[in-house]
C-alpha atoms as a PDB file:
ATOM      1  CA  MET A   1      77.618  44.199 -41.672  1.00  0.00           C
ATOM      2  CA  ARG A   2      76.791  41.566 -44.162  1.00  0.00           C
ATOM      3  CA  ASP A   3      73.615  39.519 -43.182  1.00  0.00           C
ATOM      4  CA  PRO A   4      74.328  35.970 -43.474  1.00  0.00           C
ATOM      5  CA  SER A   5      70.912  34.875 -44.122  1.00  0.00           C
ATOM      6  CA  LEU A   6      71.081  37.216 -47.073  1.00  0.00           C
ATOM      7  CA  PHE A   7      74.492  36.090 -48.046  1.00  0.00           C
ATOM      8  CA  LYS A   8      73.331  32.144 -48.129  1.00  0.00           C
ATOM      9  CA  ILE A   9      69.830  33.122 -50.275  1.00  0.00           C
ATOM     10  CA  PHE A  10      72.139  34.535 -53.046  1.00  0.00           C
ATOM     11  CA  LEU A  11      74.538  31.740 -52.469  1.00  0.00           C
ATOM     12  CA  VAL A  12      71.648  29.316 -53.416  1.00  0.00           C
ATOM     13  CA  LYS A  13      70.138  31.040 -56.177  1.00  0.00           C
ATOM     14  CA  GLY A  14      73.778  30.890 -58.012  1.00  0.00           C
ATOM     15  CA  LEU A  15      74.414  27.572 -57.424  1.00  0.00           C
ATOM     16  CA  LYS A  16      70.726  26.568 -58.705  1.00  0.00           C
ATOM     17  CA  ALA A  17      71.358  28.741 -61.472  1.00  0.00           C
ATOM     18  CA  ILE A  18      74.670  27.483 -62.447  1.00  0.00           C
ATOM     19  CA  TYR A  19      73.269  23.613 -62.054  1.00  0.00           C
ATOM     20  CA  ARG A  20      70.343  24.612 -64.632  1.00  0.00           C
ATOM     21  CA  ARG A  21      72.986  25.182 -67.164  1.00  0.00           C
ATOM     22  CA  LEU A  22      74.696  21.857 -66.804  1.00  0.00           C
ATOM     23  CA  PRO A  23      74.483  18.993 -69.162  1.00  0.00           C
ATOM     24  CA  GLY A  24      71.897  15.959 -68.106  1.00  0.00           C
ATOM     25  CA  GLN A  25      74.363  13.661 -67.574  1.00  0.00           C
ATOM     26  CA  ILE A  26      76.662  15.655 -65.089  1.00  0.00           C
ATOM     27  CA  LYS A  27      73.057  16.764 -63.741  1.00  0.00           C
ATOM     28  CA  LYS A  28      72.564  12.618 -63.282  1.00  0.00           C
ATOM     29  CA  TYR A  29      75.739  12.272 -61.874  1.00  0.00           C
ATOM     30  CA  PHE A  30      75.253  15.480 -58.862  1.00  0.00           C
ATOM     31  CA  LEU A  31      71.846  13.760 -57.858  1.00  0.00           C
ATOM     32  CA  SER A  32      73.105  10.589 -57.265  1.00  0.00           C
ATOM     33  CA  ILE A  33      75.964  11.882 -54.903  1.00  0.00           C
ATOM     34  CA  LEU A  34      73.484  14.230 -53.101  1.00  0.00           C
ATOM     35  CA  ARG A  35      70.660  11.177 -52.873  1.00  0.00           C
ATOM     36  CA  ARG A  36      72.986   8.645 -51.645  1.00  0.00           C
ATOM     37  CA  PRO A  37      71.499   6.303 -49.380  1.00  0.00           C
ATOM     38  CA  VAL A  38      71.870   7.845 -45.510  1.00  0.00           C
ATOM     39  CA  ASN A  39      73.165   4.121 -44.511  1.00  0.00           C
ATOM     40  CA  TYR A  40      76.055   4.893 -47.088  1.00  0.00           C
ATOM     41  CA  GLN A  41      76.709   8.187 -45.917  1.00  0.00           C
ATOM     42  CA  LYS A  42      79.786   9.400 -43.558  1.00  0.00           C
ATOM     43  CA  ARG A  43      79.340   8.735 -40.038  1.00  0.00           C
ATOM     44  CA  CYS A  44      79.370  11.839 -37.729  1.00  0.00           C
ATOM     45  CA  VAL A  45      81.851  11.060 -34.728  1.00  0.00           C
ATOM     46  CA  ALA A  46      80.188  14.087 -32.764  1.00  0.00           C
ATOM     47  CA  SER A  47      76.879  12.306 -32.894  1.00  0.00           C
ATOM     48  CA  ILE A  48      77.950   9.127 -30.948  1.00  0.00           C
ATOM     49  CA  ASP A  49      76.812   9.756 -27.741  1.00  0.00           C
ATOM     50  CA  LYS A  50      73.102  10.901 -29.011  1.00  0.00           C
ATOM     51  CA  ASN A  51      73.326   7.914 -31.321  1.00  0.00           C
ATOM     52  CA  ILE A  52      73.393   5.766 -28.200  1.00  0.00           C
ATOM     53  CA  GLU A  53      70.642   7.322 -26.352  1.00  0.00           C
ATOM     54  CA  HIS A  54      68.449   6.362 -29.222  1.00  0.00           C
ATOM     55  CA  ALA A  55      69.978   2.863 -29.677  1.00  0.00           C
ATOM     56  CA  ILE A  56      69.092   2.005 -26.007  1.00  0.00           C
ATOM     57  CA  ARG A  57      65.867   4.217 -25.992  1.00  0.00           C
ATOM     58  CA  VAL A  58      64.629   2.070 -29.254  1.00  0.00           C
ATOM     59  CA  GLY A  59      66.201  -1.365 -27.328  1.00  0.00           C
ATOM     60  CA  THR A  60      64.621  -0.939 -24.310  1.00  0.00           C
ATOM     61  CA  ASN A  61      60.922   0.452 -25.868  1.00  0.00           C
ATOM     62  CA  TYR A  62      61.166  -3.525 -27.945  1.00  0.00           C
ATOM     63  CA  LEU A  63      62.522  -5.263 -24.516  1.00  0.00           C
ATOM     64  CA  LYS A  64      59.253  -3.820 -22.848  1.00  0.00           C
ATOM     65  CA  ILE A  65      56.856  -4.761 -25.458  1.00  0.00           C
ATOM     66  CA  ILE A  66      58.274  -8.126 -26.071  1.00  0.00           C
ATOM     67  CA  SER A  67      58.387  -8.673 -22.478  1.00  0.00           C
ATOM     68  CA  GLU A  68      54.582  -7.475 -21.898  1.00  0.00           C
ATOM     69  CA  SER A  69      53.722 -10.098 -24.681  1.00  0.00           C
ATOM     70  CA  GLY A  70      55.256 -13.013 -22.650  1.00  0.00           C
ATOM     71  CA  VAL A  71      58.207 -13.437 -24.520  1.00  0.00           C
ATOM     72  CA  ASP A  72      61.715 -14.197 -22.687  1.00  0.00           C
ATOM     73  CA  ILE A  73      64.360 -12.841 -25.529  1.00  0.00           C
ATOM     74  CA  ALA A  74      66.921 -15.257 -23.679  1.00  0.00           C
ATOM     75  CA  GLY A  75      67.774 -17.858 -26.285  1.00  0.00           C
ATOM     76  CA  LYS A  76      65.748 -16.511 -29.159  1.00  0.00           C
ATOM     77  CA  THR A  77      66.893 -15.651 -32.380  1.00  0.00           C
ATOM     78  CA  LEU A  78      65.785 -12.140 -33.128  1.00  0.00           C
ATOM     79  CA  LEU A  79      65.992 -10.266 -36.742  1.00  0.00           C
ATOM     80  CA  GLU A  80      65.774  -6.578 -36.818  1.00  0.00           C
ATOM     81  CA  LEU A  81      64.830  -4.847 -40.688  1.00  0.00           C
ATOM     82  CA  GLY A  82      66.836  -1.660 -41.090  1.00  0.00           C
ATOM     83  CA  PRO A  83      69.296  -0.966 -38.094  1.00  0.00           C
ATOM     84  CA  GLY A  84      70.343   2.201 -39.362  1.00  0.00           C
ATOM     85  CA  ILE A  85      74.032   3.655 -39.211  1.00  0.00           C
ATOM     86  CA  ASN A  86      74.552   1.199 -36.312  1.00  0.00           C
ATOM     87  CA  PHE A  87      73.311  -2.186 -34.688  1.00  0.00           C
ATOM     88  CA  GLY A  88      73.160  -0.063 -31.245  1.00  0.00           C
ATOM     89  CA  SER A  89      69.525  -1.495 -30.668  1.00  0.00           C
ATOM     90  CA  THR A  90      69.931  -4.724 -31.754  1.00  0.00           C
ATOM     91  CA  LEU A  91      73.222  -5.484 -29.615  1.00  0.00           C
ATOM     92  CA  TYR A  92      71.242  -3.909 -26.746  1.00  0.00           C
ATOM     93  CA  LEU A  93      68.902  -6.765 -27.315  1.00  0.00           C
ATOM     94  CA  SER A  94      71.956  -8.915 -27.646  1.00  0.00           C
ATOM     95  CA  ALA A  95      72.999  -8.135 -24.055  1.00  0.00           C
ATOM     96  CA  PHE A  96      70.023  -9.666 -22.678  1.00  0.00           C
ATOM     97  CA  GLY A  97      70.102 -13.504 -24.301  1.00  0.00           C
ATOM     98  CA  ALA A  98      69.156 -12.920 -27.951  1.00  0.00           C
ATOM     99  CA  ARG A  99      71.003 -14.529 -30.853  1.00  0.00           C
ATOM    100  CA  VAL A 100      70.623 -11.526 -33.180  1.00  0.00           C
ATOM    101  CA  MET A 101      70.870 -10.957 -36.887  1.00  0.00           C
ATOM    102  CA  VAL A 102      70.265  -7.247 -39.061  1.00  0.00           C
ATOM    103  CA  VAL A 103      68.852  -7.194 -42.416  1.00  0.00           C
ATOM    104  CA  ASP A 104      68.982  -3.689 -44.436  1.00  0.00           C
ATOM    105  CA  ARG A 105      69.022  -2.934 -48.023  1.00  0.00           C
ATOM    106  CA  PHE A 106      71.173  -0.442 -47.536  1.00  0.00           C
ATOM    107  CA  LEU A 107      73.530  -2.166 -44.759  1.00  0.00           C
ATOM    108  CA  ALA A 108      75.772   0.641 -43.330  1.00  0.00           C
ATOM    109  CA  ALA A 109      79.771  -0.496 -43.503  1.00  0.00           C
ATOM    110  CA  TRP A 110      81.815  -0.680 -40.410  1.00  0.00           C
ATOM    111  CA  ASP A 111      83.640   2.601 -40.316  1.00  0.00           C
ATOM    112  CA  ASP A 112      86.009   2.234 -37.856  1.00  0.00           C
ATOM    113  CA  GLU A 113      86.873   6.211 -36.757  1.00  0.00           C
ATOM    114  CA  TYR A 114      82.279   5.899 -36.011  1.00  0.00           C
ATOM    115  CA  HIS A 115      81.702   2.333 -34.749  1.00  0.00           C
ATOM    116  CA  SER A 116      84.612   1.860 -32.366  1.00  0.00           C
ATOM    117  CA  LYS A 117      83.866   4.159 -30.613  1.00  0.00           C
ATOM    118  CA  PHE A 118      80.182   3.776 -30.420  1.00  0.00           C
ATOM    119  CA  TYR A 119      80.371   0.001 -29.253  1.00  0.00           C
ATOM    120  CA  ALA A 120      82.528   0.675 -26.745  1.00  0.00           C
ATOM    121  CA  ARG A 121      80.708   3.396 -25.307  1.00  0.00           C
ATOM    122  CA  LEU A 122      77.397   1.274 -25.494  1.00  0.00           C
ATOM    123  CA  ALA A 123      79.448  -1.865 -23.726  1.00  0.00           C
ATOM    124  CA  ALA A 124      80.370   0.777 -20.956  1.00  0.00           C
ATOM    125  CA  ARG A 125      77.342   2.266 -20.548  1.00  0.00           C
ATOM    126  CA  LEU A 126      75.408  -1.624 -20.287  1.00  0.00           C
ATOM    127  CA  LYS A 127      78.160  -2.458 -17.731  1.00  0.00           C
ATOM    128  CA  GLU A 128      78.024   0.543 -15.370  1.00  0.00           C
ATOM    129  CA  HIS A 129      73.736   0.453 -15.569  1.00  0.00           C
ATOM    130  CA  ILE A 130      72.879  -3.252 -16.067  1.00  0.00           C
ATOM    131  CA  PRO A 131      75.941  -5.237 -14.560  1.00  0.00           C
ATOM    132  CA  HIS A 132      73.849  -8.522 -15.496  1.00  0.00           C
ATOM    133  CA  ALA A 133      73.838  -7.853 -19.179  1.00  0.00           C
ATOM    134  CA  ASP A 134      75.951 -10.184 -21.562  1.00  0.00           C
ATOM    135  CA  THR A 135      78.291  -7.270 -23.492  1.00  0.00           C
ATOM    136  CA  SER A 136      80.062 -10.718 -24.985  1.00  0.00           C
ATOM    137  CA  ALA A 137      78.606 -10.014 -28.460  1.00  0.00           C
ATOM    138  CA  LEU A 138      79.994  -6.200 -28.314  1.00  0.00           C
ATOM    139  CA  ASP A 139      83.310  -7.325 -26.615  1.00  0.00           C
ATOM    140  CA  ARG A 140      84.053  -9.584 -29.746  1.00  0.00           C
ATOM    141  CA  ILE A 141      82.874  -6.538 -32.572  1.00  0.00           C
ATOM    142  CA  ILE A 142      84.979  -4.327 -30.538  1.00  0.00           C
ATOM    143  CA  SER A 143      88.135  -6.256 -30.526  1.00  0.00           C
ATOM    144  CA  CYS A 144      87.315  -7.399 -34.222  1.00  0.00           C
ATOM    145  CA  HIS A 145      86.885  -4.058 -35.671  1.00  0.00           C
ATOM    146  CA  GLY A 146      84.081  -5.332 -37.384  1.00  0.00           C
ATOM    147  CA  TYR A 147      81.133  -7.990 -36.983  1.00  0.00           C
ATOM    148  CA  PRO A 148      82.054 -11.421 -36.506  1.00  0.00           C
ATOM    149  CA  ASP A 149      79.267 -13.975 -37.692  1.00  0.00           C
ATOM    150  CA  ASP A 150      79.532 -15.428 -34.078  1.00  0.00           C
ATOM    151  CA  ALA A 151      78.309 -12.106 -32.893  1.00  0.00           C
ATOM    152  CA  ILE A 152      76.108 -10.931 -35.227  1.00  0.00           C
ATOM    153  CA  GLY A 153      74.618 -11.814 -38.441  1.00  0.00           C
ATOM    154  CA  CYS A 154      74.774  -9.336 -41.105  1.00  0.00           C
ATOM    155  CA  PHE A 155      73.077  -9.587 -44.493  1.00  0.00           C
ATOM    156  CA  GLU A 156      72.793  -6.837 -47.066  1.00  0.00           C
ATOM    157  CA  THR A 157      69.377  -7.516 -48.929  1.00  0.00           C
ATOM    158  CA  ALA A 158      65.560  -5.883 -48.946  1.00  0.00           C
ATOM    159  CA  ALA A 159      63.215  -7.453 -46.853  1.00  0.00           C
ATOM    160  CA  GLU A 160      61.535  -8.355 -49.973  1.00  0.00           C
ATOM    161  CA  ASP A 161      64.346 -11.082 -50.968  1.00  0.00           C
ATOM    162  CA  LEU A 162      65.113 -12.342 -47.170  1.00  0.00           C
ATOM    163  CA  SER A 163      64.583 -16.086 -48.891  1.00  0.00           C
ATOM    164  CA  SER A 164      68.319 -15.288 -49.879  1.00  0.00           C
ATOM    165  CA  VAL A 165      69.728 -15.447 -46.630  1.00  0.00           C
ATOM    166  CA  ILE A 166      66.788 -17.083 -43.943  1.00  0.00           C
ATOM    167  CA  ALA A 167      65.639 -20.257 -44.077  1.00  0.00           C
ATOM    168  CA  ASP A 168      61.698 -20.932 -43.371  1.00  0.00           C
ATOM    169  CA  GLY A 169      60.851 -20.834 -39.769  1.00  0.00           C
ATOM    170  CA  THR A 170      63.695 -20.212 -38.431  1.00  0.00           C
ATOM    171  CA  ILE A 171      63.185 -16.882 -36.764  1.00  0.00           C
ATOM    172  CA  ASP A 172      61.461 -15.986 -33.015  1.00  0.00           C
ATOM    173  CA  ILE A 173      61.478 -12.298 -32.891  1.00  0.00           C
ATOM    174  CA  VAL A 174      61.519 -10.017 -36.174  1.00  0.00           C
ATOM    175  CA  LEU A 175      61.734  -6.309 -34.895  1.00  0.00           C
ATOM    176  CA  SER A 176      61.803  -3.002 -36.988  1.00  0.00           C
ATOM    177  CA  SER A 177      61.369   0.850 -35.737  1.00  0.00           C
ATOM    178  CA  ALA A 178      60.510   3.165 -38.838  1.00  0.00           C
ATOM    179  CA  VAL A 179      61.596   1.141 -41.561  1.00  0.00           C
ATOM    180  CA  LEU A 180      58.378  -0.935 -43.362  1.00  0.00           C
ATOM    181  CA  GLU A 181      57.262   2.716 -44.757  1.00  0.00           C
ATOM    182  CA  HIS A 182      60.184   2.722 -46.724  1.00  0.00           C
ATOM    183  CA  ILE A 183      59.842  -1.197 -48.222  1.00  0.00           C
ATOM    184  CA  MET A 184      59.348  -1.159 -51.971  1.00  0.00           C
ATOM    185  CA  ASP A 185      57.090  -3.963 -52.165  1.00  0.00           C
ATOM    186  CA  PRO A 186      55.267  -4.502 -48.809  1.00  0.00           C
ATOM    187  CA  LEU A 187      52.820  -7.565 -49.600  1.00  0.00           C
ATOM    188  CA  ARG A 188      56.111  -9.386 -50.467  1.00  0.00           C
ATOM    189  CA  CYS A 189      58.232  -8.085 -47.729  1.00  0.00           C
ATOM    190  CA  PHE A 190      55.330  -9.395 -45.333  1.00  0.00           C
ATOM    191  CA  GLN A 191      54.977 -12.837 -47.581  1.00  0.00           C
ATOM    192  CA  GLU A 192      58.753 -13.116 -46.174  1.00  0.00           C
ATOM    193  CA  LEU A 193      58.248 -12.375 -42.927  1.00  0.00           C
ATOM    194  CA  PHE A 194      55.730 -14.949 -42.737  1.00  0.00           C
ATOM    195  CA  ARG A 195      58.055 -17.528 -43.747  1.00  0.00           C
ATOM    196  CA  VAL A 196      60.640 -17.110 -41.837  1.00  0.00           C
ATOM    197  CA  MET A 197      58.721 -17.042 -38.649  1.00  0.00           C
ATOM    198  CA  SER A 198      59.053 -19.732 -35.927  1.00  0.00           C
ATOM    199  CA  PRO A 199      55.610 -21.017 -34.853  1.00  0.00           C
ATOM    200  CA  GLN A 200      55.735 -19.016 -32.024  1.00  0.00           C
ATOM    201  CA  GLY A 201      57.365 -16.157 -33.072  1.00  0.00           C
ATOM    202  CA  ILE A 202      56.494 -12.669 -32.747  1.00  0.00           C
ATOM    203  CA  GLN A 203      56.685  -9.678 -34.835  1.00  0.00           C
ATOM    204  CA  ILE A 204      56.736  -5.945 -33.486  1.00  0.00           C
ATOM    205  CA  HIS A 205      56.835  -3.225 -35.911  1.00  0.00           C
ATOM    206  CA  GLU A 206      56.855   0.961 -35.584  1.00  0.00           C
ATOM    207  CA  VAL A 207      55.648   1.926 -38.528  1.00  0.00           C
ATOM    208  CA  ASP A 208      56.124   6.122 -39.047  1.00  0.00           C
ATOM    209  CA  PHE A 209      52.827   7.063 -41.587  1.00  0.00           C
ATOM    210  CA  ARG A 210      54.636  10.521 -42.044  1.00  0.00           C
ATOM    211  CA  ASP A 211      55.585  12.342 -44.673  1.00  0.00           C
ATOM    212  CA  HIS A 212      59.265  12.397 -44.121  1.00  0.00           C
ATOM    213  CA  ASP A 213      60.150  15.168 -45.990  1.00  0.00           C
ATOM    214  CA  ASP A 214      58.273  17.435 -43.115  1.00  0.00           C
ATOM    215  CA  PHE A 215      57.035  16.282 -40.523  1.00  0.00           C
ATOM    216  CA  SER A 216      55.066  18.983 -39.563  1.00  0.00           C
ATOM    217  CA  ARG A 217      52.676  18.522 -42.479  1.00  0.00           C
ATOM    218  CA  PRO A 218      52.975  14.764 -42.508  1.00  0.00           C
ATOM    219  CA  LEU A 219      49.930  13.937 -44.900  1.00  0.00           C
ATOM    220  CA  ASP A 220      50.634  16.667 -47.704  1.00  0.00           C
ATOM    221  CA  PHE A 221      52.379  13.747 -49.896  1.00  0.00           C
ATOM    222  CA  LEU A 222      48.939  12.127 -49.922  1.00  0.00           C
ATOM    223  CA  LEU A 223      47.699  15.043 -52.056  1.00  0.00           C
ATOM    224  CA  ILE A 224      50.342  13.843 -54.928  1.00  0.00           C
ATOM    225  CA  GLY A 225      49.353  11.386 -57.726  1.00  0.00           C
ATOM    226  CA  ASP A 226      50.706   7.873 -57.598  1.00  0.00           C
ATOM    227  CA  GLU A 227      52.298   7.639 -61.026  1.00  0.00           C
ATOM    228  CA  GLU A 228      54.475  10.826 -59.753  1.00  0.00           C
ATOM    229  CA  TYR A 229      55.072   9.941 -56.145  1.00  0.00           C
ATOM    230  CA  GLU A 230      56.219   6.688 -57.342  1.00  0.00           C
ATOM    231  CA  ARG A 231      58.849   8.445 -59.524  1.00  0.00           C
ATOM    232  CA  ILE A 232      59.679  10.940 -56.167  1.00  0.00           C
ATOM    233  CA  PHE A 233      60.179   7.734 -54.266  1.00  0.00           C
ATOM    234  CA  LYS A 234      62.367   5.848 -56.065  1.00  0.00           C
ATOM    235  CA  GLU A 235      64.594   8.828 -57.040  1.00  0.00           C
ATOM    236  CA  VAL A 236      64.999   9.006 -53.082  1.00  0.00           C
ATOM    237  CA  HIS A 237      65.882   5.423 -52.419  1.00  0.00           C
ATOM    238  CA  ALA A 238      61.999   4.577 -50.344  1.00  0.00           C
ATOM    239  CA  GLU A 239      63.484   6.774 -48.040  1.00  0.00           C
ATOM    240  CA  ARG A 240      60.523   9.420 -48.043  1.00  0.00           C
ATOM    241  CA  GLY A 241      57.430   6.926 -47.273  1.00  0.00           C
ATOM    242  CA  ASN A 242      55.314   4.719 -49.476  1.00  0.00           C
ATOM    243  CA  ARG A 243      52.253   6.209 -48.308  1.00  0.00           C
ATOM    244  CA  LEU A 244      50.526   3.533 -47.297  1.00  0.00           C
ATOM    245  CA  ARG A 245      47.741   4.221 -44.448  1.00  0.00           C
ATOM    246  CA  PRO A 246      47.437   1.293 -41.293  1.00  0.00           C
ATOM    247  CA  THR A 247      44.224  -0.142 -42.839  1.00  0.00           C
ATOM    248  CA  GLU A 248      46.311  -0.965 -46.136  1.00  0.00           C
ATOM    249  CA  TYR A 249      49.116  -2.440 -43.738  1.00  0.00           C
ATOM    250  CA  GLU A 250      46.591  -4.625 -41.792  1.00  0.00           C
ATOM    251  CA  THR A 251      45.094  -6.138 -45.287  1.00  0.00           C
ATOM    252  CA  LEU A 252      48.411  -6.540 -46.306  1.00  0.00           C
ATOM    253  CA  MET A 253      49.577  -8.468 -43.804  1.00  0.00           C
ATOM    254  CA  ARG A 254      45.950 -10.790 -43.663  1.00  0.00           C
ATOM    255  CA  GLN A 255      46.878 -11.603 -47.215  1.00  0.00           C
ATOM    256  CA  ALA A 256      50.871 -12.952 -46.083  1.00  0.00           C
ATOM    257  CA  GLY A 257      49.150 -14.897 -43.802  1.00  0.00           C
ATOM    258  CA  PHE A 258      49.160 -12.972 -40.541  1.00  0.00           C
ATOM    259  CA  SER A 259      45.927 -13.803 -38.406  1.00  0.00           C
ATOM    260  CA  ASN A 260      46.601 -12.303 -35.128  1.00  0.00           C
ATOM    261  CA  ILE A 261      47.400  -8.674 -35.585  1.00  0.00           C
ATOM    262  CA  SER A 262      47.191  -5.754 -33.306  1.00  0.00           C
ATOM    263  CA  ILE A 263      47.838  -1.933 -34.082  1.00  0.00           C
ATOM    264  CA  ASN A 264      48.534   0.413 -31.326  1.00  0.00           C
ATOM    265  CA  PRO A 265      48.699   3.895 -32.203  1.00  0.00           C
ATOM    266  CA  LEU A 266      51.464   6.281 -31.066  1.00  0.00           C
ATOM    267  CA  LEU A 267      50.609   9.422 -32.723  1.00  0.00           C
ATOM    268  CA  PHE A 268      47.963  11.219 -34.617  1.00  0.00           C
ATOM    269  CA  ALA A 269      47.851  14.651 -36.540  1.00  0.00           C
ATOM    270  CA  GLU A 270      47.230  17.835 -34.660  1.00  0.00           C
ATOM    271  CA  GLU A 271      43.562  18.368 -35.341  1.00  0.00           C
ATOM    272  CA  ALA A 272      43.510  22.076 -36.990  1.00  0.00           C
ATOM    273  CA  TYR A 273      46.308  20.850 -39.310  1.00  0.00           C
ATOM    274  CA  LEU A 274      43.844  17.498 -40.334  1.00  0.00           C
ATOM    275  CA  GLU A 275      41.129  20.021 -41.111  1.00  0.00           C
ATOM    276  CA  GLU A 276      43.201  21.839 -43.196  1.00  0.00           C
ATOM    277  CA  PHE A 277      44.055  18.874 -45.478  1.00  0.00           C
ATOM    278  CA  MET A 278      40.811  17.562 -45.196  1.00  0.00           C
ATOM    279  CA  ASP A 279      39.648  20.642 -47.332  1.00  0.00           C
ATOM    280  CA  LYS A 280      43.065  19.864 -49.495  1.00  0.00           C
ATOM    281  CA  LEU A 281      42.452  16.781 -50.160  1.00  0.00           C
ATOM    282  CA  PRO A 282      38.913  17.235 -52.808  1.00  0.00           C
ATOM    283  CA  ASN A 283      40.839  19.202 -54.756  1.00  0.00           C
ATOM    284  CA  ALA A 284      44.241  16.813 -55.512  1.00  0.00           C
ATOM    285  CA  LEU A 285      42.146  15.339 -58.251  1.00  0.00           C
ATOM    286  CA  THR A 286      44.945  12.757 -58.727  1.00  0.00           C
ATOM    287  CA  SER A 287      45.058  11.796 -55.116  1.00  0.00           C
ATOM    288  CA  ARG A 288      43.537   8.083 -54.204  1.00  0.00           C
ATOM    289  CA  TYR A 289      43.352   8.876 -50.925  1.00  0.00           C
ATOM    290  CA  HIS A 290      39.755  10.911 -51.345  1.00  0.00           C
ATOM    291  CA  SER A 291      37.808   7.783 -50.463  1.00  0.00           C
ATOM    292  CA  PHE A 292      39.994   7.089 -46.973  1.00  0.00           C
ATOM    293  CA  ALA A 293      38.404   7.383 -43.390  1.00  0.00           C
ATOM    294  CA  ARG A 294      39.431  10.077 -41.813  1.00  0.00           C
ATOM    295  CA  SER A 295      40.716   7.943 -38.557  1.00  0.00           C
ATOM    296  CA  ASP A 296      43.330   6.023 -41.060  1.00  0.00           C
ATOM    297  CA  LEU A 297      44.445   9.211 -42.029  1.00  0.00           C
ATOM    298  CA  ARG A 298      44.809  10.516 -38.985  1.00  0.00           C
ATOM    299  CA  GLN A 299      46.710   7.821 -37.484  1.00  0.00           C
ATOM    300  CA  ILE A 300      50.715   9.267 -38.234  1.00  0.00           C
ATOM    301  CA  VAL A 301      52.721   6.784 -36.253  1.00  0.00           C
ATOM    302  CA  ALA A 302      51.699   3.119 -34.480  1.00  0.00           C
ATOM    303  CA  TYR A 303      53.043   0.201 -34.298  1.00  0.00           C
ATOM    304  CA  PHE A 304      51.803  -3.517 -34.785  1.00  0.00           C
ATOM    305  CA  ILE A 305      52.263  -6.562 -32.858  1.00  0.00           C
ATOM    306  CA  LEU A 306      52.170  -9.523 -35.081  1.00  0.00           C
ATOM    307  CA  LYS A 307      51.933 -13.465 -33.822  1.00  0.00           C
END
């Protein structure tokens, strides 16, 4: 009986050999397809229930932190950065009275086969488990088969360019989950987030500082030189992570105008792996992370609260 794993190895090797012989322009064409942003790729209907669980989990976490910060979201204008392939977590919060908006550099377009089912099941879950939830925004989206402005504001723009869509001081709550590590120009992004924030506003940003190519080796990409990594980062539409560490984010946030900043660690690199990485770091001559404190490298997921 043929070993499927061996067949797969030979198939991959054969495809790689064919690819190497292709003209440069054709190679670039295939790469552009393979590197298409995740939000622009075809949705998987089979993953809807899993995606709903994720949206509810993210929305619940947001709501918990907002409440613990002494803020009632009812009547507040709320902006989520980079909501992903659906706007489930944002619309979850609309069910508690927030006026909601989303911004994404690669805004996921409506896919009726996926989104109609996704939002219908999300609304049903809310009605079943949270009877007082206001699902009117979800119901409107379901009936329109799209995103009407009176249900949710949708803007396809980078976080660095919010001035094109959002006026000064008009947002009460800004949220993001595993988004800010994908920002091309973090300082400009934070300047924009500071500009749009209302005087009594709050922002909550969960940042994943790991190498997105391999979470099991979360710091390996810090061994790459800046020039080489900048090329990689742009080629993959910033989806691998910009490599900035927590203290660098805090410095940039303060430069942008934020003064009340809380950093809350959620995950640390395993000690055995961290030891291995620290041993390798001195030999990575082009890396800029030689002088970074171990504590700054050890922290790989955290959330920031800005007031």
